[in-house]
Amino acid sequence: SPYRDYYMWKKPKYDAQGKRQPPNNWGACWGGSAWE
């Protein structure tokens, strides 16, 4: 979509057990990860 780049998208990271993780460790201002 031409609008895809209107927002900030990133691929997941994976931990040693192969579990999907957010792209970085930032917290959202009201709790939880800053990534959906």
Full PDB file with SEQRES, HELIX, SHEET, SSBOND, CRYST1, ORIGX, SCALE, CONECT and MASTER records, all heavy atoms in Angstrom:
SEQRES   1 A   36  SER PRO TYR ARG ASP TYR TYR MET TRP LYS LYS PRO LYS          
SEQRES   2 A   36  TYR ASP ALA GLN GLY LYS ARG GLN PRO PRO ASN ASN TRP          
SEQRES   3 A   36  GLY ALA CYS TRP GLY GLY SER ALA TRP GLU                      
HELIX    1 AA1 ARG A    4  TYR A    6  5                                   3    
SHEET    1 AA1 2 LYS A  13  TYR A  14  0                                        
SHEET    2 AA1 2 ARG A  20  GLN A  21 -1                                        
CRYST1    1.000    1.000    1.000  90.00  90.00  90.00 P 1           1          
ORIGX1      1.000000  0.000000  0.000000        0.00000                         
ORIGX2      0.000000  1.000000  0.000000        0.00000                         
ORIGX3      0.000000  0.000000  1.000000        0.00000                         
SCALE1      1.000000  0.000000  0.000000        0.00000                         
SCALE2      0.000000  1.000000  0.000000        0.00000                         
SCALE3      0.000000  0.000000  1.000000        0.00000                         
ATOM      1  N   SER A   1       0.837  -1.204   0.000  1.00  0.00           N  
ATOM      2  CA  SER A   1       0.000   0.000   0.000  1.00  0.00           C  
ATOM      3  C   SER A   1       0.871   1.253   0.000  1.00  0.00           C  
ATOM      4  O   SER A   1       1.895   1.313   0.697  1.00  0.00           O  
ATOM      5  CB  SER A   1      -0.886   0.023   1.252  1.00  0.00           C  
ATOM      6  OG  SER A   1      -1.429   1.308   1.444  1.00  0.00           O  
ATOM      7  N   PRO A   2       0.481   2.280  -0.753  1.00  0.00           N  
ATOM      8  CA  PRO A   2       1.241   3.535  -0.726  1.00  0.00           C  
ATOM      9  C   PRO A   2       1.233   4.183   0.665  1.00  0.00           C  
ATOM     10  O   PRO A   2       2.046   5.052   0.948  1.00  0.00           O  
ATOM     11  CB  PRO A   2       0.522   4.422  -1.752  1.00  0.00           C  
ATOM     12  CG  PRO A   2      -0.800   3.779  -2.004  1.00  0.00           C  
ATOM     13  CD  PRO A   2      -0.633   2.323  -1.717  1.00  0.00           C  
ATOM     14  N   TYR A   3       0.310   3.740   1.529  1.00  0.00           N  
ATOM     15  CA  TYR A   3       0.235   4.299   2.887  1.00  0.00           C  
ATOM     16  C   TYR A   3       1.050   3.489   3.904  1.00  0.00           C  
ATOM     17  O   TYR A   3       1.136   3.875   5.070  1.00  0.00           O  
ATOM     18  CB  TYR A   3      -1.224   4.387   3.350  1.00  0.00           C  
ATOM     19  CG  TYR A   3      -2.015   5.429   2.605  1.00  0.00           C  
ATOM     20  CD1 TYR A   3      -2.775   5.091   1.491  1.00  0.00           C  
ATOM     21  CD2 TYR A   3      -1.985   6.766   3.002  1.00  0.00           C  
ATOM     22  CE1 TYR A   3      -3.498   6.054   0.792  1.00  0.00           C  
ATOM     23  CE2 TYR A   3      -2.701   7.738   2.315  1.00  0.00           C  
ATOM     24  CZ  TYR A   3      -3.449   7.375   1.206  1.00  0.00           C  
ATOM     25  OH  TYR A   3      -4.162   8.332   0.522  1.00  0.00           O  
ATOM     26  N   ARG A   4       1.621   2.367   3.472  1.00  0.00           N  
ATOM     27  CA  ARG A   4       2.364   1.518   4.416  1.00  0.00           C  
ATOM     28  C   ARG A   4       3.443   2.321   5.138  1.00  0.00           C  
ATOM     29  O   ARG A   4       3.623   2.228   6.352  1.00  0.00           O  
ATOM     30  CB  ARG A   4       2.998   0.331   3.667  1.00  0.00           C  
ATOM     31  CG  ARG A   4       3.697  -0.691   4.574  1.00  0.00           C  
ATOM     32  CD  ARG A   4       2.697  -1.549   5.322  1.00  0.00           C  
ATOM     33  NE  ARG A   4       3.338  -2.598   6.102  1.00  0.00           N  
ATOM     34  CZ  ARG A   4       2.688  -3.484   6.822  1.00  0.00           C  
ATOM     35  NH1 ARG A   4       1.374  -3.458   6.894  1.00  0.00           N  
ATOM     36  NH2 ARG A   4       3.331  -4.412   7.503  1.00  0.00           N  
ATOM     37  N   ASP A   5       4.141   3.140   4.370  1.00  0.00           N  
ATOM     38  CA  ASP A   5       5.273   3.885   4.914  1.00  0.00           C  
ATOM     39  C   ASP A   5       4.845   5.164   5.649  1.00  0.00           C  
ATOM     40  O   ASP A   5       5.674   5.961   6.054  1.00  0.00           O  
ATOM     41  CB  ASP A   5       6.240   4.231   3.767  1.00  0.00           C  
ATOM     42  CG  ASP A   5       7.614   4.627   4.298  1.00  0.00           C  
ATOM     43  OD1 ASP A   5       8.033   4.064   5.321  1.00  0.00           O  
ATOM     44  OD2 ASP A   5       8.249   5.530   3.703  1.00  0.00           O  
ATOM     45  N   TYR A   6       3.524   5.344   5.815  1.00  0.00           N  
ATOM     46  CA  TYR A   6       3.048   6.459   6.649  1.00  0.00           C  
ATOM     47  C   TYR A   6       3.261   6.139   8.133  1.00  0.00           C  
ATOM     48  O   TYR A   6       3.182   7.023   8.979  1.00  0.00           O  
ATOM     49  CB  TYR A   6       1.553   6.698   6.410  1.00  0.00           C  
ATOM     50  CG  TYR A   6       1.226   7.647   5.276  1.00  0.00           C  
ATOM     51  CD1 TYR A   6       1.904   7.596   4.056  1.00  0.00           C  
ATOM     52  CD2 TYR A   6       0.213   8.593   5.415  1.00  0.00           C  
ATOM     53  CE1 TYR A   6       1.583   8.449   3.011  1.00  0.00           C  
ATOM     54  CE2 TYR A   6      -0.125   9.461   4.377  1.00  0.00           C  
ATOM     55  CZ  TYR A   6       0.563   9.383   3.179  1.00  0.00           C  
ATOM     56  OH  TYR A   6       0.229  10.238   2.147  1.00  0.00           O  
ATOM     57  N   TYR A   7       3.493   4.866   8.429  1.00  0.00           N  
ATOM     58  CA  TYR A   7       3.652   4.414   9.811  1.00  0.00           C  
ATOM     59  C   TYR A   7       4.984   3.678   9.952  1.00  0.00           C  
ATOM     60  O   TYR A   7       5.706   3.486   8.974  1.00  0.00           O  
ATOM     61  CB  TYR A   7       2.457   3.540  10.218  1.00  0.00           C  
ATOM     62  CG  TYR A   7       1.162   4.322  10.184  1.00  0.00           C  
ATOM     63  CD1 TYR A   7       0.410   4.393   9.003  1.00  0.00           C  
ATOM     64  CD2 TYR A   7       0.717   5.015  11.290  1.00  0.00           C  
ATOM     65  CE1 TYR A   7      -0.757   5.145   8.948  1.00  0.00           C  
ATOM     66  CE2 TYR A   7      -0.463   5.763  11.247  1.00  0.00           C  
ATOM     67  CZ  TYR A   7      -1.183   5.832  10.071  1.00  0.00           C  
ATOM     68  OH  TYR A   7      -2.329   6.575  10.018  1.00  0.00           O  
ATOM     69  N   MET A   8       5.303   3.242  11.166  1.00  0.00           N  
ATOM     70  CA  MET A   8       6.618   2.654  11.444  1.00  0.00           C  
ATOM     71  C   MET A   8       6.466   1.151  11.693  1.00  0.00           C  
ATOM     72  O   MET A   8       5.947   0.732  12.734  1.00  0.00           O  
ATOM     73  CB  MET A   8       7.257   3.372  12.631  1.00  0.00           C  
ATOM     74  CG  MET A   8       7.280   4.883  12.428  1.00  0.00           C  
ATOM     75  SD  MET A   8       8.196   5.798  13.678  1.00  0.00           S  
ATOM     76  CE  MET A   8       9.869   5.509  13.134  1.00  0.00           C  
ATOM     77  N   TRP A   9       6.901   0.366  10.725  1.00  0.00           N  
ATOM     78  CA  TRP A   9       6.765  -1.094  10.772  1.00  0.00           C  
ATOM     79  C   TRP A   9       8.139  -1.739  10.897  1.00  0.00           C  
ATOM     80  O   TRP A   9       9.107  -1.282  10.310  1.00  0.00           O  
ATOM     81  CB  TRP A   9       6.095  -1.600   9.492  1.00  0.00           C  
ATOM     82  CG  TRP A   9       4.725  -1.052   9.258  1.00  0.00           C  
ATOM     83  CD1 TRP A   9       4.410   0.108   8.620  1.00  0.00           C  
ATOM     84  CD2 TRP A   9       3.487  -1.649   9.646  1.00  0.00           C  
ATOM     85  NE1 TRP A   9       3.053   0.281   8.596  1.00  0.00           N  
ATOM     86  CE2 TRP A   9       2.444  -0.783   9.211  1.00  0.00           C  
ATOM     87  CE3 TRP A   9       3.141  -2.830  10.314  1.00  0.00           C  
ATOM     88  CZ2 TRP A   9       1.101  -1.060   9.425  1.00  0.00           C  
ATOM     89  CZ3 TRP A   9       1.793  -3.105  10.531  1.00  0.00           C  
ATOM     90  CH2 TRP A   9       0.792  -2.228  10.090  1.00  0.00           C  
ATOM     91  N   LYS A  10       8.198  -2.845  11.637  1.00  0.00           N  
ATOM     92  CA  LYS A  10       9.461  -3.591  11.749  1.00  0.00           C  
ATOM     93  C   LYS A  10       9.171  -5.076  11.892  1.00  0.00           C  
ATOM     94  O   LYS A  10       8.132  -5.483  12.431  1.00  0.00           O  
ATOM     95  CB  LYS A  10      10.265  -3.110  12.963  1.00  0.00           C  
ATOM     96  CG  LYS A  10      11.228  -1.950  12.654  1.00  0.00           C  
ATOM     97  CD  LYS A  10      12.157  -1.701  13.836  1.00  0.00           C  
ATOM     98  CE  LYS A  10      13.251  -0.709  13.492  1.00  0.00           C  
ATOM     99  NZ  LYS A  10      14.257  -1.254  12.593  1.00  0.00           N  
ATOM    100  N   LYS A  11      10.119  -5.878  11.440  1.00  0.00           N  
ATOM    101  CA  LYS A  11      10.038  -7.340  11.580  1.00  0.00           C  
ATOM    102  C   LYS A  11      10.227  -7.733  13.050  1.00  0.00           C  
ATOM    103  O   LYS A  11      10.905  -7.036  13.805  1.00  0.00           O  
ATOM    104  CB  LYS A  11      11.135  -8.001  10.735  1.00  0.00           C  
ATOM    105  CG  LYS A  11      10.807  -8.039   9.245  1.00  0.00           C  
ATOM    106  CD  LYS A  11       9.823  -9.149   8.980  1.00  0.00           C  
ATOM    107  CE  LYS A  11       9.539  -9.329   7.500  1.00  0.00           C  
ATOM    108  NZ  LYS A  11       8.308 -10.149   7.351  1.00  0.00           N  
ATOM    109  N   PRO A  12       9.677  -8.881  13.444  1.00  0.00           N  
ATOM    110  CA  PRO A  12       9.885  -9.350  14.823  1.00  0.00           C  
ATOM    111  C   PRO A  12      11.344  -9.720  15.070  1.00  0.00           C  
ATOM    112  O   PRO A  12      12.110  -9.956  14.134  1.00  0.00           O  
ATOM    113  CB  PRO A  12       9.015 -10.603  14.923  1.00  0.00           C  
ATOM    114  CG  PRO A  12       8.180 -10.642  13.686  1.00  0.00           C  
ATOM    115  CD  PRO A  12       8.862  -9.810  12.660  1.00  0.00           C  
ATOM    116  N   LYS A  13      11.690  -9.759  16.372  1.00  0.00           N  
ATOM    117  CA  LYS A  13      12.946 -10.394  16.795  1.00  0.00           C  
ATOM    118  C   LYS A  13      12.548 -11.763  17.367  1.00  0.00           C  
ATOM    119  O   LYS A  13      11.382 -11.976  17.711  1.00  0.00           O  
ATOM    120  CB  LYS A  13      13.601  -9.570  17.909  1.00  0.00           C  
ATOM    121  CG  LYS A  13      14.395  -8.367  17.428  1.00  0.00           C  
ATOM    122  CD  LYS A  13      15.065  -7.716  18.635  1.00  0.00           C  
ATOM    123  CE  LYS A  13      15.914  -6.533  18.212  1.00  0.00           C  
ATOM    124  NZ  LYS A  13      16.449  -5.813  19.391  1.00  0.00           N  
ATOM    125  N   TYR A  14      13.533 -12.638  17.502  1.00  0.00           N  
ATOM    126  CA  TYR A  14      13.259 -13.950  18.110  1.00  0.00           C  
ATOM    127  C   TYR A  14      14.292 -14.216  19.191  1.00  0.00           C  
ATOM    128  O   TYR A  14      15.480 -13.932  19.003  1.00  0.00           O  
ATOM    129  CB  TYR A  14      13.279 -15.052  17.051  1.00  0.00           C  
ATOM    130  CG  TYR A  14      12.100 -14.945  16.111  1.00  0.00           C  
ATOM    131  CD1 TYR A  14      12.177 -14.174  14.948  1.00  0.00           C  
ATOM    132  CD2 TYR A  14      10.893 -15.576  16.405  1.00  0.00           C  
ATOM    133  CE1 TYR A  14      11.087 -14.032  14.102  1.00  0.00           C  
ATOM    134  CE2 TYR A  14       9.796 -15.449  15.566  1.00  0.00           C  
ATOM    135  CZ  TYR A  14       9.894 -14.677  14.414  1.00  0.00           C  
ATOM    136  OH  TYR A  14       8.809 -14.536  13.589  1.00  0.00           O  
ATOM    137  N   ASP A  15      13.843 -14.744  20.324  1.00  0.00           N  
ATOM    138  CA  ASP A  15      14.790 -15.035  21.406  1.00  0.00           C  
ATOM    139  C   ASP A  15      15.440 -16.407  21.188  1.00  0.00           C  
ATOM    140  O   ASP A  15      15.187 -17.087  20.178  1.00  0.00           O  
ATOM    141  CB  ASP A  15      14.090 -14.953  22.773  1.00  0.00           C  
ATOM    142  CG  ASP A  15      12.972 -15.969  22.951  1.00  0.00           C  
ATOM    143  OD1 ASP A  15      12.941 -16.962  22.196  1.00  0.00           O  
ATOM    144  OD2 ASP A  15      12.129 -15.769  23.865  1.00  0.00           O  
ATOM    145  N   ALA A  16      16.257 -16.818  22.146  1.00  0.00           N  
ATOM    146  CA  ALA A  16      17.030 -18.062  22.010  1.00  0.00           C  
ATOM    147  C   ALA A  16      16.132 -19.292  21.863  1.00  0.00           C  
ATOM    148  O   ALA A  16      16.515 -20.299  21.265  1.00  0.00           O  
ATOM    149  CB  ALA A  16      17.953 -18.229  23.223  1.00  0.00           C  
ATOM    150  N   GLN A  17      14.912 -19.179  22.414  1.00  0.00           N  
ATOM    151  CA  GLN A  17      13.972 -20.302  22.311  1.00  0.00           C  
ATOM    152  C   GLN A  17      13.119 -20.218  21.038  1.00  0.00           C  
ATOM    153  O   GLN A  17      12.218 -21.029  20.824  1.00  0.00           O  
ATOM    154  CB  GLN A  17      13.028 -20.326  23.524  1.00  0.00           C  
ATOM    155  CG  GLN A  17      13.691 -20.797  24.817  1.00  0.00           C  
ATOM    156  CD  GLN A  17      14.626 -19.763  25.405  1.00  0.00           C  
ATOM    157  OE1 GLN A  17      14.294 -18.579  25.437  1.00  0.00           O  
ATOM    158  NE2 GLN A  17      15.804 -20.186  25.832  1.00  0.00           N  
ATOM    159  N   GLY A  18      13.412 -19.238  20.199  1.00  0.00           N  
ATOM    160  CA  GLY A  18      12.660 -19.074  18.950  1.00  0.00           C  
ATOM    161  C   GLY A  18      11.311 -18.414  19.139  1.00  0.00           C  
ATOM    162  O   GLY A  18      10.462 -18.421  18.247  1.00  0.00           O  
ATOM    163  N   LYS A  19      11.117 -17.785  20.329  1.00  0.00           N  
ATOM    164  CA  LYS A  19       9.829 -17.119  20.598  1.00  0.00           C  
ATOM    165  C   LYS A  19       9.856 -15.703  20.019  1.00  0.00           C  
ATOM    166  O   LYS A  19      10.846 -14.987  20.184  1.00  0.00           O  
ATOM    167  CB  LYS A  19       9.587 -17.082  22.107  1.00  0.00           C  
ATOM    168  CG  LYS A  19       8.193 -16.622  22.487  1.00  0.00           C  
ATOM    169  CD  LYS A  19       8.029 -16.584  24.008  1.00  0.00           C  
ATOM    170  CE  LYS A  19       6.723 -15.895  24.365  1.00  0.00           C  
ATOM    171  NZ  LYS A  19       6.641 -15.553  25.787  1.00  0.00           N  
ATOM    172  N   ARG A  20       8.769 -15.342  19.347  1.00  0.00           N  
ATOM    173  CA  ARG A  20       8.686 -14.020  18.711  1.00  0.00           C  
ATOM    174  C   ARG A  20       8.694 -12.909  19.763  1.00  0.00           C  
ATOM    175  O   ARG A  20       8.033 -12.997  20.792  1.00  0.00           O  
ATOM    176  CB  ARG A  20       7.402 -13.921  17.883  1.00  0.00           C  
ATOM    177  CG  ARG A  20       7.314 -12.678  16.998  1.00  0.00           C  
ATOM    178  CD  ARG A  20       5.974 -12.524  16.317  1.00  0.00           C  
ATOM    179  NE  ARG A  20       4.946 -12.129  17.268  1.00  0.00           N  
ATOM    180  CZ  ARG A  20       3.858 -12.820  17.553  1.00  0.00           C  
ATOM    181  NH1 ARG A  20       3.638 -13.977  16.952  1.00  0.00           N  
ATOM    182  NH2 ARG A  20       2.984 -12.390  18.437  1.00  0.00           N  
ATOM    183  N   GLN A  21       9.471 -11.844  19.485  1.00  0.00           N  
ATOM    184  CA  GLN A  21       9.571 -10.703  20.394  1.00  0.00           C  
ATOM    185  C   GLN A  21       9.380  -9.394  19.613  1.00  0.00           C  
ATOM    186  O   GLN A  21       9.634  -9.349  18.406  1.00  0.00           O  
ATOM    187  CB  GLN A  21      10.960 -10.679  21.065  1.00  0.00           C  
ATOM    188  CG  GLN A  21      11.298 -11.898  21.886  1.00  0.00           C  
ATOM    189  CD  GLN A  21      10.484 -11.993  23.150  1.00  0.00           C  
ATOM    190  OE1 GLN A  21       9.924 -11.009  23.615  1.00  0.00           O  
ATOM    191  NE2 GLN A  21      10.374 -13.202  23.709  1.00  0.00           N  
ATOM    192  N   PRO A  22       8.973  -8.323  20.287  1.00  0.00           N  
ATOM    193  CA  PRO A  22       8.881  -7.021  19.617  1.00  0.00           C  
ATOM    194  C   PRO A  22      10.254  -6.577  19.092  1.00  0.00           C  
ATOM    195  O   PRO A  22      11.291  -7.044  19.578  1.00  0.00           O  
ATOM    196  CB  PRO A  22       8.390  -6.079  20.711  1.00  0.00           C  
ATOM    197  CG  PRO A  22       7.785  -6.954  21.756  1.00  0.00           C  
ATOM    198  CD  PRO A  22       8.547  -8.249  21.690  1.00  0.00           C  
ATOM    199  N   PRO A  23      10.272  -5.662  18.126  1.00  0.00           N  
ATOM    200  CA  PRO A  23      11.538  -5.217  17.517  1.00  0.00           C  
ATOM    201  C   PRO A  23      12.520  -4.572  18.492  1.00  0.00           C  
ATOM    202  O   PRO A  23      13.723  -4.608  18.273  1.00  0.00           O  
ATOM    203  CB  PRO A  23      11.084  -4.203  16.458  1.00  0.00           C  
ATOM    204  CG  PRO A  23       9.672  -4.594  16.144  1.00  0.00           C  
ATOM    205  CD  PRO A  23       9.098  -5.130  17.426  1.00  0.00           C  
ATOM    206  N   ASN A  24      12.026  -3.923  19.552  1.00  0.00           N  
ATOM    207  CA  ASN A  24      12.921  -3.436  20.608  1.00  0.00           C  
ATOM    208  C   ASN A  24      12.192  -3.507  21.950  1.00  0.00           C  
ATOM    209  O   ASN A  24      11.044  -3.967  22.027  1.00  0.00           O  
ATOM    210  CB  ASN A  24      13.467  -2.026  20.291  1.00  0.00           C  
ATOM    211  CG  ASN A  24      12.400  -0.930  20.363  1.00  0.00           C  
ATOM    212  OD1 ASN A  24      11.397  -1.067  21.053  1.00  0.00           O  
ATOM    213  ND2 ASN A  24      12.624   0.161  19.648  1.00  0.00           N  
ATOM    214  N   ASN A  25      12.875  -3.063  23.007  1.00  0.00           N  
ATOM    215  CA  ASN A  25      12.333  -3.243  24.364  1.00  0.00           C  
ATOM    216  C   ASN A  25      11.608  -2.012  24.897  1.00  0.00           C  
ATOM    217  O   ASN A  25      11.406  -1.878  26.098  1.00  0.00           O  
ATOM    218  CB  ASN A  25      13.461  -3.639  25.329  1.00  0.00           C  
ATOM    219  CG  ASN A  25      14.468  -2.503  25.535  1.00  0.00           C  
ATOM    220  OD1 ASN A  25      14.449  -1.492  24.816  1.00  0.00           O  
ATOM    221  ND2 ASN A  25      15.364  -2.674  26.502  1.00  0.00           N  
ATOM    222  N   TRP A  26      11.207  -1.090  24.017  1.00  0.00           N  
ATOM    223  CA  TRP A  26      10.536   0.112  24.494  1.00  0.00           C  
ATOM    224  C   TRP A  26       9.167  -0.221  25.093  1.00  0.00           C  
ATOM    225  O   TRP A  26       8.412  -1.035  24.550  1.00  0.00           O  
ATOM    226  CB  TRP A  26      10.297   1.096  23.361  1.00  0.00           C  
ATOM    227  CG  TRP A  26      11.540   1.647  22.729  1.00  0.00           C  
ATOM    228  CD1 TRP A  26      12.846   1.383  23.055  1.00  0.00           C  
ATOM    229  CD2 TRP A  26      11.583   2.564  21.627  1.00  0.00           C  
ATOM    230  NE1 TRP A  26      13.695   2.077  22.235  1.00  0.00           N  
ATOM    231  CE2 TRP A  26      12.947   2.813  21.348  1.00  0.00           C  
ATOM    232  CE3 TRP A  26      10.604   3.192  20.852  1.00  0.00           C  
ATOM    233  CZ2 TRP A  26      13.346   3.664  20.317  1.00  0.00           C  
ATOM    234  CZ3 TRP A  26      11.005   4.045  19.834  1.00  0.00           C  
ATOM    235  CH2 TRP A  26      12.364   4.287  19.573  1.00  0.00           C  
ATOM    236  N   GLY A  27       8.872   0.456  26.200  1.00  0.00           N  
ATOM    237  CA  GLY A  27       7.544   0.353  26.775  1.00  0.00           C  
ATOM    238  C   GLY A  27       6.652   1.467  26.251  1.00  0.00           C  
ATOM    239  O   GLY A  27       7.128   2.574  25.987  1.00  0.00           O  
ATOM    240  N   ALA A  28       5.373   1.182  26.083  1.00  0.00           N  
ATOM    241  CA  ALA A  28       4.412   2.234  25.735  1.00  0.00           C  
ATOM    242  C   ALA A  28       4.161   3.088  26.975  1.00  0.00           C  
ATOM    243  O   ALA A  28       4.361   2.643  28.111  1.00  0.00           O  
ATOM    244  CB  ALA A  28       3.113   1.620  25.237  1.00  0.00           C  
ATOM    245  N   CYS A  29       3.733   4.319  26.767  1.00  0.00           N  
ATOM    246  CA  CYS A  29       3.560   5.258  27.882  1.00  0.00           C  
ATOM    247  C   CYS A  29       2.564   4.760  28.914  1.00  0.00           C  
ATOM    248  O   CYS A  29       2.645   5.124  30.074  1.00  0.00           O  
ATOM    249  CB  CYS A  29       3.134   6.622  27.354  1.00  0.00           C  
ATOM    250  SG  CYS A  29       4.451   7.420  26.398  1.00  0.00           S  
ATOM    251  N   TRP A  30       1.603   3.922  28.506  1.00  0.00           N  
ATOM    252  CA  TRP A  30       0.578   3.460  29.442  1.00  0.00           C  
ATOM    253  C   TRP A  30       0.664   1.958  29.677  1.00  0.00           C  
ATOM    254  O   TRP A  30      -0.331   1.283  29.891  1.00  0.00           O  
ATOM    255  CB  TRP A  30      -0.808   3.852  28.928  1.00  0.00           C  
ATOM    256  CG  TRP A  30      -0.933   5.325  28.784  1.00  0.00           C  
ATOM    257  CD1 TRP A  30      -0.349   6.282  29.568  1.00  0.00           C  
ATOM    258  CD2 TRP A  30      -1.656   6.033  27.783  1.00  0.00           C  
ATOM    259  NE1 TRP A  30      -0.671   7.521  29.126  1.00  0.00           N  
ATOM    260  CE2 TRP A  30      -1.476   7.411  28.029  1.00  0.00           C  
ATOM    261  CE3 TRP A  30      -2.448   5.642  26.706  1.00  0.00           C  
ATOM    262  CZ2 TRP A  30      -2.050   8.396  27.245  1.00  0.00           C  
ATOM    263  CZ3 TRP A  30      -3.030   6.621  25.923  1.00  0.00           C  
ATOM    264  CH2 TRP A  30      -2.835   7.979  26.193  1.00  0.00           C  
ATOM    265  N   GLY A  31       1.890   1.436  29.626  1.00  0.00           N  
ATOM    266  CA  GLY A  31       2.091   0.034  29.963  1.00  0.00           C  
ATOM    267  C   GLY A  31       2.204  -0.873  28.751  1.00  0.00           C  
ATOM    268  O   GLY A  31       1.692  -0.567  27.673  1.00  0.00           O  
ATOM    269  N   GLY A  32       2.922  -1.997  28.937  1.00  0.00           N  
ATOM    270  CA  GLY A  32       3.099  -2.962  27.856  1.00  0.00           C  
ATOM    271  C   GLY A  32       4.129  -2.497  26.837  1.00  0.00           C  
ATOM    272  O   GLY A  32       4.814  -1.483  27.015  1.00  0.00           O  
ATOM    273  N   SER A  33       4.255  -3.270  25.774  1.00  0.00           N  
ATOM    274  CA  SER A  33       5.215  -2.951  24.715  1.00  0.00           C  
ATOM    275  C   SER A  33       4.725  -1.783  23.868  1.00  0.00           C  
ATOM    276  O   SER A  33       3.519  -1.552  23.732  1.00  0.00           O  
ATOM    277  CB  SER A  33       5.406  -4.177  23.815  1.00  0.00           C  
ATOM    278  OG  SER A  33       6.150  -3.834  22.660  1.00  0.00           O  
ATOM    279  N   ALA A  34       5.681  -1.043  23.294  1.00  0.00           N  
ATOM    280  CA  ALA A  34       5.344   0.040  22.362  1.00  0.00           C  
ATOM    281  C   ALA A  34       5.099  -0.507  20.954  1.00  0.00           C  
ATOM    282  O   ALA A  34       4.945   0.269  20.006  1.00  0.00           O  
ATOM    283  CB  ALA A  34       6.460   1.077  22.347  1.00  0.00           C  
ATOM    284  N   TRP A  35       5.086  -1.829  20.811  1.00  0.00           N  
ATOM    285  CA  TRP A  35       4.894  -2.454  19.496  1.00  0.00           C  
ATOM    286  C   TRP A  35       3.683  -3.368  19.510  1.00  0.00           C  
ATOM    287  O   TRP A  35       3.455  -4.101  20.472  1.00  0.00           O  
ATOM    288  CB  TRP A  35       6.140  -3.272  19.123  1.00  0.00           C  
ATOM    289  CG  TRP A  35       7.359  -2.423  18.946  1.00  0.00           C  
ATOM    290  CD1 TRP A  35       8.286  -2.103  19.906  1.00  0.00           C  
ATOM    291  CD2 TRP A  35       7.792  -1.795  17.740  1.00  0.00           C  
ATOM    292  NE1 TRP A  35       9.264  -1.311  19.369  1.00  0.00           N  
ATOM    293  CE2 TRP A  35       8.995  -1.101  18.034  1.00  0.00           C  
ATOM    294  CE3 TRP A  35       7.286  -1.744  16.433  1.00  0.00           C  
ATOM    295  CZ2 TRP A  35       9.692  -0.370  17.078  1.00  0.00           C  
ATOM    296  CZ3 TRP A  35       7.973  -1.021  15.468  1.00  0.00           C  
ATOM    297  CH2 TRP A  35       9.166  -0.340  15.799  1.00  0.00           C  
ATOM    298  N   GLU A  36       2.928  -3.339  18.426  1.00  0.00           N  
ATOM    299  CA  GLU A  36       1.759  -4.217  18.278  1.00  0.00           C  
ATOM    300  C   GLU A  36       1.979  -5.112  17.056  1.00  0.00           C  
ATOM    301  O   GLU A  36       2.327  -4.627  15.968  1.00  0.00           O  
ATOM    302  CB  GLU A  36       0.493  -3.372  18.099  1.00  0.00           C  
ATOM    303  CG  GLU A  36      -0.782  -4.173  18.059  1.00  0.00           C  
ATOM    304  CD  GLU A  36      -1.252  -4.639  19.436  1.00  0.00           C  
ATOM    305  OE1 GLU A  36      -0.570  -4.354  20.463  1.00  0.00           O  
ATOM    306  OE2 GLU A  36      -2.298  -5.306  19.491  1.00  0.00           O  
TER     307      GLU A  36                                                      
MASTER        0    0    0    1    2    0    0    6  306    1    0    3          
END                                                                             
